[in-house]
Full PDB file with SEQRES, HELIX, SHEET, SSBOND, CRYST1, ORIGX, SCALE, CONECT and MASTER records, all heavy atoms in Angstrom:
SEQRES   1 A   35  ARG GLU ALA ALA ASP LEU ARG GLU ARG GLU LEU GLN ILE          
SEQRES   2 A   35  ARG VAL LEU ALA ASP ASN LEU PRO GLN LEU ALA TRP MET          
SEQRES   3 A   35  THR ASP ALA GLN ALA ARG PRO VAL TRP                          
HELIX    1 AA1 GLU A    2  ASP A   18  1                                  17    
CRYST1    1.000    1.000    1.000  90.00  90.00  90.00 P 1           1          
ORIGX1      1.000000  0.000000  0.000000        0.00000                         
ORIGX2      0.000000  1.000000  0.000000        0.00000                         
ORIGX3      0.000000  0.000000  1.000000        0.00000                         
SCALE1      1.000000  0.000000  0.000000        0.00000                         
SCALE2      0.000000  1.000000  0.000000        0.00000                         
SCALE3      0.000000  0.000000  1.000000        0.00000                         
ATOM      1  N   ARG A   1     -15.570  16.821  51.857  1.00  0.00           N  
ATOM      2  CA  ARG A   1     -14.707  16.097  52.586  1.00  0.00           C  
ATOM      3  C   ARG A   1     -15.398  14.872  53.329  1.00  0.00           C  
ATOM      4  O   ARG A   1     -14.837  13.712  53.373  1.00  0.00           O  
ATOM      5  CB  ARG A   1     -14.152  16.999  53.814  1.00  0.00           C  
ATOM      6  CG  ARG A   1     -13.198  17.985  53.421  1.00  0.00           C  
ATOM      7  CD  ARG A   1     -12.465  18.512  54.578  1.00  0.00           C  
ATOM      8  NE  ARG A   1     -13.311  19.267  55.524  1.00  0.00           N  
ATOM      9  CZ  ARG A   1     -13.691  20.560  55.431  1.00  0.00           C  
ATOM     10  NH1 ARG A   1     -13.228  21.255  54.536  1.00  0.00           N  
ATOM     11  NH2 ARG A   1     -14.534  21.140  56.361  1.00  0.00           N  
ATOM     12  N   GLU A   2     -16.616  14.881  53.781  1.00  0.00           N  
ATOM     13  CA  GLU A   2     -17.334  13.873  54.224  1.00  0.00           C  
ATOM     14  C   GLU A   2     -17.535  12.835  53.236  1.00  0.00           C  
ATOM     15  O   GLU A   2     -17.461  11.681  53.515  1.00  0.00           O  
ATOM     16  CB  GLU A   2     -18.651  14.381  54.807  1.00  0.00           C  
ATOM     17  CG  GLU A   2     -18.610  15.173  56.057  1.00  0.00           C  
ATOM     18  CD  GLU A   2     -19.969  15.745  56.528  1.00  0.00           C  
ATOM     19  OE1 GLU A   2     -20.965  15.529  55.798  1.00  0.00           O  
ATOM     20  OE2 GLU A   2     -19.982  16.380  57.536  1.00  0.00           O  
ATOM     21  N   ALA A   3     -17.896  13.200  52.038  1.00  0.00           N  
ATOM     22  CA  ALA A   3     -18.101  12.203  50.922  1.00  0.00           C  
ATOM     23  C   ALA A   3     -16.780  11.531  50.618  1.00  0.00           C  
ATOM     24  O   ALA A   3     -16.831  10.337  50.350  1.00  0.00           O  
ATOM     25  CB  ALA A   3     -18.676  12.912  49.617  1.00  0.00           C  
ATOM     26  N   ALA A   4     -15.608  12.223  50.645  1.00  0.00           N  
ATOM     27  CA  ALA A   4     -14.405  11.561  50.385  1.00  0.00           C  
ATOM     28  C   ALA A   4     -14.063  10.775  51.466  1.00  0.00           C  
ATOM     29  O   ALA A   4     -13.426   9.451  51.330  1.00  0.00           O  
ATOM     30  CB  ALA A   4     -13.298  12.566  50.262  1.00  0.00           C  
ATOM     31  N   ASP A   5     -14.252  11.050  52.733  1.00  0.00           N  
ATOM     32  CA  ASP A   5     -14.055  10.183  53.822  1.00  0.00           C  
ATOM     33  C   ASP A   5     -14.846   8.891  53.776  1.00  0.00           C  
ATOM     34  O   ASP A   5     -14.442   7.781  54.149  1.00  0.00           O  
ATOM     35  CB  ASP A   5     -14.367  10.960  55.095  1.00  0.00           C  
ATOM     36  CG  ASP A   5     -13.331  12.044  55.484  1.00  0.00           C  
ATOM     37  OD1 ASP A   5     -12.306  12.035  54.851  1.00  0.00           O  
ATOM     38  OD2 ASP A   5     -13.618  12.868  56.385  1.00  0.00           O  
ATOM     39  N   LEU A   6     -16.086   9.061  53.335  1.00  0.00           N  
ATOM     40  CA  LEU A   6     -16.928   7.934  53.190  1.00  0.00           C  
ATOM     41  C   LEU A   6     -16.503   6.892  52.187  1.00  0.00           C  
ATOM     42  O   LEU A   6     -16.369   5.715  52.376  1.00  0.00           O  
ATOM     43  CB  LEU A   6     -18.427   8.307  52.903  1.00  0.00           C  
ATOM     44  CG  LEU A   6     -19.413   7.138  52.792  1.00  0.00           C  
ATOM     45  CD1 LEU A   6     -19.539   6.346  53.986  1.00  0.00           C  
ATOM     46  CD2 LEU A   6     -20.865   7.800  52.413  1.00  0.00           C  
ATOM     47  N   ARG A   7     -16.026   7.501  51.073  1.00  0.00           N  
ATOM     48  CA  ARG A   7     -15.433   6.686  49.970  1.00  0.00           C  
ATOM     49  C   ARG A   7     -14.249   5.861  50.531  1.00  0.00           C  
ATOM     50  O   ARG A   7     -14.021   4.802  50.077  1.00  0.00           O  
ATOM     51  CB  ARG A   7     -15.229   7.449  48.697  1.00  0.00           C  
ATOM     52  CG  ARG A   7     -16.394   7.982  47.921  1.00  0.00           C  
ATOM     53  CD  ARG A   7     -16.096   8.495  46.654  1.00  0.00           C  
ATOM     54  NE  ARG A   7     -15.198   9.647  46.720  1.00  0.00           N  
ATOM     55  CZ  ARG A   7     -15.708  10.849  46.745  1.00  0.00           C  
ATOM     56  NH1 ARG A   7     -16.917  11.199  46.800  1.00  0.00           N  
ATOM     57  NH2 ARG A   7     -14.801  11.881  46.860  1.00  0.00           N  
ATOM     58  N   GLU A   8     -13.397   6.608  51.210  1.00  0.00           N  
ATOM     59  CA  GLU A   8     -12.086   6.012  51.730  1.00  0.00           C  
ATOM     60  C   GLU A   8     -12.550   4.827  52.647  1.00  0.00           C  
ATOM     61  O   GLU A   8     -11.884   3.845  52.697  1.00  0.00           O  
ATOM     62  CB  GLU A   8     -11.362   7.030  52.381  1.00  0.00           C  
ATOM     63  CG  GLU A   8     -10.018   6.599  52.985  1.00  0.00           C  
ATOM     64  CD  GLU A   8      -9.029   6.030  52.014  1.00  0.00           C  
ATOM     65  OE1 GLU A   8      -9.157   6.467  50.878  1.00  0.00           O  
ATOM     66  OE2 GLU A   8      -8.199   5.203  52.369  1.00  0.00           O  
ATOM     67  N   ARG A   9     -13.522   5.047  53.618  1.00  0.00           N  
ATOM     68  CA  ARG A   9     -13.882   4.033  54.518  1.00  0.00           C  
ATOM     69  C   ARG A   9     -14.460   2.765  53.771  1.00  0.00           C  
ATOM     70  O   ARG A   9     -14.138   1.655  54.063  1.00  0.00           O  
ATOM     71  CB  ARG A   9     -14.897   4.573  55.507  1.00  0.00           C  
ATOM     72  CG  ARG A   9     -14.315   5.516  56.434  1.00  0.00           C  
ATOM     73  CD  ARG A   9     -15.206   5.657  57.729  1.00  0.00           C  
ATOM     74  NE  ARG A   9     -16.442   6.339  57.337  1.00  0.00           N  
ATOM     75  CZ  ARG A   9     -16.601   7.691  57.282  1.00  0.00           C  
ATOM     76  NH1 ARG A   9     -15.568   8.525  57.606  1.00  0.00           N  
ATOM     77  NH2 ARG A   9     -17.728   8.165  56.899  1.00  0.00           N  
ATOM     78  N   GLU A  10     -15.221   3.156  52.763  1.00  0.00           N  
ATOM     79  CA  GLU A  10     -15.852   2.005  52.036  1.00  0.00           C  
ATOM     80  C   GLU A  10     -14.803   1.221  51.212  1.00  0.00           C  
ATOM     81  O   GLU A  10     -14.755   0.026  51.187  1.00  0.00           O  
ATOM     82  CB  GLU A  10     -16.812   2.584  50.934  1.00  0.00           C  
ATOM     83  CG  GLU A  10     -18.171   3.067  51.624  1.00  0.00           C  
ATOM     84  CD  GLU A  10     -18.995   3.702  50.518  1.00  0.00           C  
ATOM     85  OE1 GLU A  10     -18.511   3.995  49.383  1.00  0.00           O  
ATOM     86  OE2 GLU A  10     -20.202   3.902  50.797  1.00  0.00           O  
ATOM     87  N   LEU A  11     -13.700   1.937  50.725  1.00  0.00           N  
ATOM     88  CA  LEU A  11     -12.704   1.250  50.079  1.00  0.00           C  
ATOM     89  C   LEU A  11     -11.852   0.381  51.136  1.00  0.00           C  
ATOM     90  O   LEU A  11     -11.463  -0.749  50.763  1.00  0.00           O  
ATOM     91  CB  LEU A  11     -11.691   2.268  49.471  1.00  0.00           C  
ATOM     92  CG  LEU A  11     -10.436   1.811  48.782  1.00  0.00           C  
ATOM     93  CD1 LEU A  11     -10.874   0.801  47.627  1.00  0.00           C  
ATOM     94  CD2 LEU A  11      -9.495   2.899  48.238  1.00  0.00           C  
ATOM     95  N   GLN A  12     -11.635   0.897  52.266  1.00  0.00           N  
ATOM     96  CA  GLN A  12     -10.962   0.145  53.386  1.00  0.00           C  
ATOM     97  C   GLN A  12     -11.641  -1.120  53.672  1.00  0.00           C  
ATOM     98  O   GLN A  12     -11.081  -2.090  53.799  1.00  0.00           O  
ATOM     99  CB  GLN A  12     -10.652   1.039  54.562  1.00  0.00           C  
ATOM    100  CG  GLN A  12      -9.703   2.178  54.342  1.00  0.00           C  
ATOM    101  CD  GLN A  12      -9.652   3.078  55.435  1.00  0.00           C  
ATOM    102  OE1 GLN A  12     -10.416   2.992  56.357  1.00  0.00           O  
ATOM    103  NE2 GLN A  12      -8.630   4.099  55.503  1.00  0.00           N  
ATOM    104  N   ILE A  13     -12.976  -1.036  53.777  1.00  0.00           N  
ATOM    105  CA  ILE A  13     -13.856  -2.160  54.137  1.00  0.00           C  
ATOM    106  C   ILE A  13     -13.807  -3.280  53.038  1.00  0.00           C  
ATOM    107  O   ILE A  13     -13.629  -4.450  53.321  1.00  0.00           O  
ATOM    108  CB  ILE A  13     -15.211  -1.735  54.369  1.00  0.00           C  
ATOM    109  CG1 ILE A  13     -15.342  -0.897  55.681  1.00  0.00           C  
ATOM    110  CG2 ILE A  13     -16.213  -2.951  54.559  1.00  0.00           C  
ATOM    111  CD1 ILE A  13     -16.719  -0.211  55.924  1.00  0.00           C  
ATOM    112  N   ARG A  14     -13.797  -2.746  51.825  1.00  0.00           N  
ATOM    113  CA  ARG A  14     -13.845  -3.655  50.553  1.00  0.00           C  
ATOM    114  C   ARG A  14     -12.512  -4.330  50.534  1.00  0.00           C  
ATOM    115  O   ARG A  14     -12.335  -5.547  50.326  1.00  0.00           O  
ATOM    116  CB  ARG A  14     -14.057  -2.839  49.308  1.00  0.00           C  
ATOM    117  CG  ARG A  14     -15.440  -2.459  49.118  1.00  0.00           C  
ATOM    118  CD  ARG A  14     -15.715  -1.800  47.793  1.00  0.00           C  
ATOM    119  NE  ARG A  14     -17.091  -1.489  47.611  1.00  0.00           N  
ATOM    120  CZ  ARG A  14     -17.995  -2.268  47.091  1.00  0.00           C  
ATOM    121  NH1 ARG A  14     -17.584  -3.493  46.809  1.00  0.00           N  
ATOM    122  NH2 ARG A  14     -19.282  -1.949  46.963  1.00  0.00           N  
ATOM    123  N   VAL A  15     -11.313  -3.650  50.804  1.00  0.00           N  
ATOM    124  CA  VAL A  15     -10.016  -4.239  50.765  1.00  0.00           C  
ATOM    125  C   VAL A  15      -9.964  -5.284  51.853  1.00  0.00           C  
ATOM    126  O   VAL A  15      -9.382  -6.426  51.632  1.00  0.00           O  
ATOM    127  CB  VAL A  15      -8.980  -3.171  50.933  1.00  0.00           C  
ATOM    128  CG1 VAL A  15      -7.551  -3.867  51.191  1.00  0.00           C  
ATOM    129  CG2 VAL A  15      -8.856  -2.357  49.761  1.00  0.00           C  
ATOM    130  N   LEU A  16     -10.442  -4.935  53.113  1.00  0.00           N  
ATOM    131  CA  LEU A  16     -10.415  -5.892  54.167  1.00  0.00           C  
ATOM    132  C   LEU A  16     -11.258  -7.168  53.779  1.00  0.00           C  
ATOM    133  O   LEU A  16     -10.789  -8.372  54.110  1.00  0.00           O  
ATOM    134  CB  LEU A  16     -10.940  -5.204  55.409  1.00  0.00           C  
ATOM    135  CG  LEU A  16     -11.099  -6.095  56.632  1.00  0.00           C  
ATOM    136  CD1 LEU A  16      -9.745  -6.651  57.114  1.00  0.00           C  
ATOM    137  CD2 LEU A  16     -11.714  -5.360  57.772  1.00  0.00           C  
ATOM    138  N   ALA A  17     -12.502  -7.009  53.323  1.00  0.00           N  
ATOM    139  CA  ALA A  17     -13.360  -8.052  52.982  1.00  0.00           C  
ATOM    140  C   ALA A  17     -12.784  -8.957  51.848  1.00  0.00           C  
ATOM    141  O   ALA A  17     -12.831 -10.149  51.923  1.00  0.00           O  
ATOM    142  CB  ALA A  17     -14.686  -7.574  52.512  1.00  0.00           C  
ATOM    143  N   ASP A  18     -12.106  -8.299  50.822  1.00  0.00           N  
ATOM    144  CA  ASP A  18     -11.505  -9.029  49.699  1.00  0.00           C  
ATOM    145  C   ASP A  18     -10.359  -9.941  50.308  1.00  0.00           C  
ATOM    146  O   ASP A  18     -10.029 -10.978  49.530  1.00  0.00           O  
ATOM    147  CB  ASP A  18     -11.020  -8.112  48.724  1.00  0.00           C  
ATOM    148  CG  ASP A  18     -11.988  -7.636  47.771  1.00  0.00           C  
ATOM    149  OD1 ASP A  18     -13.176  -8.347  47.621  1.00  0.00           O  
ATOM    150  OD2 ASP A  18     -11.941  -6.523  47.040  1.00  0.00           O  
ATOM    151  N   ASN A  19      -9.731  -9.575  51.352  1.00  0.00           N  
ATOM    152  CA  ASN A  19      -8.629 -10.413  51.907  1.00  0.00           C  
ATOM    153  C   ASN A  19      -8.979 -11.357  52.914  1.00  0.00           C  
ATOM    154  O   ASN A  19      -8.087 -12.023  53.438  1.00  0.00           O  
ATOM    155  CB  ASN A  19      -7.468  -9.404  52.387  1.00  0.00           C  
ATOM    156  CG  ASN A  19      -6.861  -8.721  51.282  1.00  0.00           C  
ATOM    157  OD1 ASN A  19      -5.882  -9.363  50.653  1.00  0.00           O  
ATOM    158  ND2 ASN A  19      -7.112  -7.481  50.905  1.00  0.00           N  
ATOM    159  N   LEU A  20     -10.323 -11.455  53.213  1.00  0.00           N  
ATOM    160  CA  LEU A  20     -10.735 -12.444  54.099  1.00  0.00           C  
ATOM    161  C   LEU A  20     -10.537 -13.870  53.532  1.00  0.00           C  
ATOM    162  O   LEU A  20     -10.689 -14.104  52.280  1.00  0.00           O  
ATOM    163  CB  LEU A  20     -12.173 -12.322  54.382  1.00  0.00           C  
ATOM    164  CG  LEU A  20     -12.626 -11.141  55.262  1.00  0.00           C  
ATOM    165  CD1 LEU A  20     -14.196 -11.045  55.417  1.00  0.00           C  
ATOM    166  CD2 LEU A  20     -12.064 -11.285  56.691  1.00  0.00           C  
ATOM    167  N   PRO A  21     -10.033 -14.814  54.297  1.00  0.00           N  
ATOM    168  CA  PRO A  21      -9.901 -16.234  53.787  1.00  0.00           C  
ATOM    169  C   PRO A  21     -11.235 -16.888  53.440  1.00  0.00           C  
ATOM    170  O   PRO A  21     -11.255 -17.928  52.762  1.00  0.00           O  
ATOM    171  CB  PRO A  21      -9.111 -16.886  54.873  1.00  0.00           C  
ATOM    172  CG  PRO A  21      -9.518 -16.186  56.089  1.00  0.00           C  
ATOM    173  CD  PRO A  21      -9.649 -14.721  55.709  1.00  0.00           C  
ATOM    174  N   GLN A  22     -12.310 -16.363  54.068  1.00  0.00           N  
ATOM    175  CA  GLN A  22     -13.636 -16.945  53.946  1.00  0.00           C  
ATOM    176  C   GLN A  22     -14.337 -16.350  52.698  1.00  0.00           C  
ATOM    177  O   GLN A  22     -13.963 -15.360  52.288  1.00  0.00           O  
ATOM    178  CB  GLN A  22     -14.519 -16.723  55.129  1.00  0.00           C  
ATOM    179  CG  GLN A  22     -14.021 -17.471  56.339  1.00  0.00           C  
ATOM    180  CD  GLN A  22     -13.161 -16.476  57.156  1.00  0.00           C  
ATOM    181  OE1 GLN A  22     -12.882 -15.450  56.810  1.00  0.00           O  
ATOM    182  NE2 GLN A  22     -12.525 -17.062  58.132  1.00  0.00           N  
ATOM    183  N   LEU A  23     -15.334 -17.035  52.126  1.00  0.00           N  
ATOM    184  CA  LEU A  23     -16.175 -16.579  51.116  1.00  0.00           C  
ATOM    185  C   LEU A  23     -17.151 -15.535  51.742  1.00  0.00           C  
ATOM    186  O   LEU A  23     -17.701 -15.804  52.766  1.00  0.00           O  
ATOM    187  CB  LEU A  23     -16.967 -17.647  50.403  1.00  0.00           C  
ATOM    188  CG  LEU A  23     -16.109 -18.851  49.792  1.00  0.00           C  
ATOM    189  CD1 LEU A  23     -17.009 -19.865  49.112  1.00  0.00           C  
ATOM    190  CD2 LEU A  23     -15.079 -18.344  48.855  1.00  0.00           C  
ATOM    191  N   ALA A  24     -17.276 -14.342  51.154  1.00  0.00           N  
ATOM    192  CA  ALA A  24     -18.166 -13.352  51.730  1.00  0.00           C  
ATOM    193  C   ALA A  24     -19.015 -12.786  50.557  1.00  0.00           C  
ATOM    194  O   ALA A  24     -18.448 -12.532  49.454  1.00  0.00           O  
ATOM    195  CB  ALA A  24     -17.378 -12.341  52.461  1.00  0.00           C  
ATOM    196  N   TRP A  25     -20.225 -12.349  50.848  1.00  0.00           N  
ATOM    197  CA  TRP A  25     -21.094 -11.733  49.878  1.00  0.00           C  
ATOM    198  C   TRP A  25     -22.183 -10.900  50.608  1.00  0.00           C  
ATOM    199  O   TRP A  25     -22.459 -11.134  51.795  1.00  0.00           O  
ATOM    200  CB  TRP A  25     -21.769 -12.834  48.909  1.00  0.00           C  
ATOM    201  CG  TRP A  25     -22.597 -13.765  49.580  1.00  0.00           C  
ATOM    202  CD1 TRP A  25     -23.899 -13.707  49.760  1.00  0.00           C  
ATOM    203  CD2 TRP A  25     -22.264 -14.954  50.115  1.00  0.00           C  
ATOM    204  NE1 TRP A  25     -24.403 -14.750  50.390  1.00  0.00           N  
ATOM    205  CE2 TRP A  25     -23.388 -15.558  50.688  1.00  0.00           C  
ATOM    206  CE3 TRP A  25     -20.982 -15.656  50.171  1.00  0.00           C  
ATOM    207  CZ2 TRP A  25     -23.365 -16.862  51.328  1.00  0.00           C  
ATOM    208  CZ3 TRP A  25     -20.980 -16.911  50.900  1.00  0.00           C  
ATOM    209  CH2 TRP A  25     -22.133 -17.467  51.385  1.00  0.00           C  
ATOM    210  N   MET A  26     -22.838 -10.065  49.834  1.00  0.00           N  
ATOM    211  CA  MET A  26     -23.899  -9.192  50.370  1.00  0.00           C  
ATOM    212  C   MET A  26     -25.029  -9.329  49.446  1.00  0.00           C  
ATOM    213  O   MET A  26     -24.902  -9.377  48.109  1.00  0.00           O  
ATOM    214  CB  MET A  26     -23.413  -7.747  50.548  1.00  0.00           C  
ATOM    215  CG  MET A  26     -22.442  -7.589  51.776  1.00  0.00           C  
ATOM    216  SD  MET A  26     -22.190  -5.811  52.097  1.00  0.00           S  
ATOM    217  CE  MET A  26     -21.503  -5.241  50.450  1.00  0.00           C  
ATOM    218  N   THR A  27     -26.269  -9.225  50.041  1.00  0.00           N  
ATOM    219  CA  THR A  27     -27.417  -9.264  49.063  1.00  0.00           C  
ATOM    220  C   THR A  27     -28.334  -8.078  49.466  1.00  0.00           C  
ATOM    221  O   THR A  27     -28.150  -7.465  50.530  1.00  0.00           O  
ATOM    222  CB  THR A  27     -28.271 -10.511  49.414  1.00  0.00           C  
ATOM    223  OG1 THR A  27     -28.735 -10.627  50.844  1.00  0.00           O  
ATOM    224  CG2 THR A  27     -27.454 -11.811  49.048  1.00  0.00           C  
ATOM    225  N   ASP A  28     -29.315  -7.706  48.636  1.00  0.00           N  
ATOM    226  CA  ASP A  28     -30.139  -6.679  48.915  1.00  0.00           C  
ATOM    227  C   ASP A  28     -31.487  -7.251  49.635  1.00  0.00           C  
ATOM    228  O   ASP A  28     -31.397  -8.389  49.982  1.00  0.00           O  
ATOM    229  CB  ASP A  28     -30.665  -6.022  47.590  1.00  0.00           C  
ATOM    230  CG  ASP A  28     -31.308  -6.819  46.600  1.00  0.00           C  
ATOM    231  OD1 ASP A  28     -31.800  -7.870  47.031  1.00  0.00           O  
ATOM    232  OD2 ASP A  28     -31.447  -6.471  45.495  1.00  0.00           O  
ATOM    233  N   ALA A  29     -32.528  -6.328  49.780  1.00  0.00           N  
ATOM    234  CA  ALA A  29     -33.729  -6.794  50.486  1.00  0.00           C  
ATOM    235  C   ALA A  29     -34.444  -7.914  49.823  1.00  0.00           C  
ATOM    236  O   ALA A  29     -35.144  -8.646  50.573  1.00  0.00           O  
ATOM    237  CB  ALA A  29     -34.522  -5.530  50.631  1.00  0.00           C  
ATOM    238  N   GLN A  30     -34.207  -8.022  48.646  1.00  0.00           N  
ATOM    239  CA  GLN A  30     -34.869  -9.207  47.915  1.00  0.00           C  
ATOM    240  C   GLN A  30     -33.966 -10.323  47.808  1.00  0.00           C  
ATOM    241  O   GLN A  30     -34.248 -11.355  46.966  1.00  0.00           O  
ATOM    242  CB  GLN A  30     -35.234  -8.750  46.467  1.00  0.00           C  
ATOM    243  CG  GLN A  30     -36.538  -7.779  46.489  1.00  0.00           C  
ATOM    244  CD  GLN A  30     -36.217  -6.395  46.960  1.00  0.00           C  
ATOM    245  OE1 GLN A  30     -35.145  -5.816  46.674  1.00  0.00           O  
ATOM    246  NE2 GLN A  30     -37.039  -5.892  47.759  1.00  0.00           N  
ATOM    247  N   ALA A  31     -32.881 -10.429  48.564  1.00  0.00           N  
ATOM    248  CA  ALA A  31     -31.887 -11.639  48.577  1.00  0.00           C  
ATOM    249  C   ALA A  31     -31.143 -11.692  47.295  1.00  0.00           C  
ATOM    250  O   ALA A  31     -30.667 -12.810  46.923  1.00  0.00           O  
ATOM    251  CB  ALA A  31     -32.644 -12.816  48.966  1.00  0.00           C  
ATOM    252  N   ARG A  32     -31.100 -10.555  46.614  1.00  0.00           N  
ATOM    253  CA  ARG A  32     -30.348 -10.707  45.297  1.00  0.00           C  
ATOM    254  C   ARG A  32     -28.929 -10.202  45.527  1.00  0.00           C  
ATOM    255  O   ARG A  32     -28.653  -9.233  46.311  1.00  0.00           O  
ATOM    256  CB  ARG A  32     -30.959  -9.806  44.195  1.00  0.00           C  
ATOM    257  CG  ARG A  32     -32.240 -10.184  43.770  1.00  0.00           C  
ATOM    258  CD  ARG A  32     -32.918  -9.198  42.794  1.00  0.00           C  
ATOM    259  NE  ARG A  32     -33.114  -7.917  43.507  1.00  0.00           N  
ATOM    260  CZ  ARG A  32     -33.905  -6.920  43.092  1.00  0.00           C  
ATOM    261  NH1 ARG A  32     -34.637  -7.182  41.954  1.00  0.00           N  
ATOM    262  NH2 ARG A  32     -34.056  -5.719  43.773  1.00  0.00           N  
ATOM    263  N   PRO A  33     -27.907 -10.995  45.218  1.00  0.00           N  
ATOM    264  CA  PRO A  33     -26.485 -10.725  45.466  1.00  0.00           C  
ATOM    265  C   PRO A  33     -26.078  -9.269  44.852  1.00  0.00           C  
ATOM    266  O   PRO A  33     -26.453  -9.006  43.662  1.00  0.00           O  
ATOM    267  CB  PRO A  33     -25.743 -11.749  44.909  1.00  0.00           C  
ATOM    268  CG  PRO A  33     -26.632 -12.318  43.721  1.00  0.00           C  
ATOM    269  CD  PRO A  33     -28.033 -12.213  44.314  1.00  0.00           C  
ATOM    270  N   VAL A  34     -25.363  -8.474  45.616  1.00  0.00           N  
ATOM    271  CA  VAL A  34     -24.965  -7.198  45.141  1.00  0.00           C  
ATOM    272  C   VAL A  34     -23.425  -6.998  45.206  1.00  0.00           C  
ATOM    273  O   VAL A  34     -22.871  -6.178  44.711  1.00  0.00           O  
ATOM    274  CB  VAL A  34     -25.620  -5.993  45.925  1.00  0.00           C  
ATOM    275  CG1 VAL A  34     -27.154  -6.086  45.675  1.00  0.00           C  
ATOM    276  CG2 VAL A  34     -25.370  -6.191  47.354  1.00  0.00           C  
ATOM    277  N   TRP A  35     -22.800  -7.951  45.907  1.00  0.00           N  
ATOM    278  CA  TRP A  35     -21.362  -7.856  46.108  1.00  0.00           C  
ATOM    279  C   TRP A  35     -20.853  -9.270  46.556  1.00  0.00           C  
ATOM    280  O   TRP A  35     -21.493  -9.951  47.412  1.00  0.00           O  
ATOM    281  CB  TRP A  35     -20.988  -6.881  47.167  1.00  0.00           C  
ATOM    282  CG  TRP A  35     -19.483  -6.809  47.426  1.00  0.00           C  
ATOM    283  CD1 TRP A  35     -18.637  -6.044  46.788  1.00  0.00           C  
ATOM    284  CD2 TRP A  35     -18.900  -7.443  48.560  1.00  0.00           C  
ATOM    285  NE1 TRP A  35     -17.396  -6.250  47.360  1.00  0.00           N  
ATOM    286  CE2 TRP A  35     -17.453  -7.092  48.431  1.00  0.00           C  
ATOM    287  CE3 TRP A  35     -19.266  -8.265  49.616  1.00  0.00           C  
ATOM    288  CZ2 TRP A  35     -16.505  -7.521  49.345  1.00  0.00           C  
ATOM    289  CZ3 TRP A  35     -18.360  -8.637  50.559  1.00  0.00           C  
ATOM    290  CH2 TRP A  35     -16.983  -8.436  50.411  1.00  0.00           C  
TER     291      TRP A  35                                                      
MASTER        0    0    0    1    0    0    0    6  290    1    0    3          
END                                                                             
């Protein structure tokens, strides 16, 4: 249940970020883009 809840929250965050009017991205510790 916790894993399913985590996946659901991640999906909600991604949907929210995808609908932002601004350009958004994330990088890893080496400044490489991951999303």
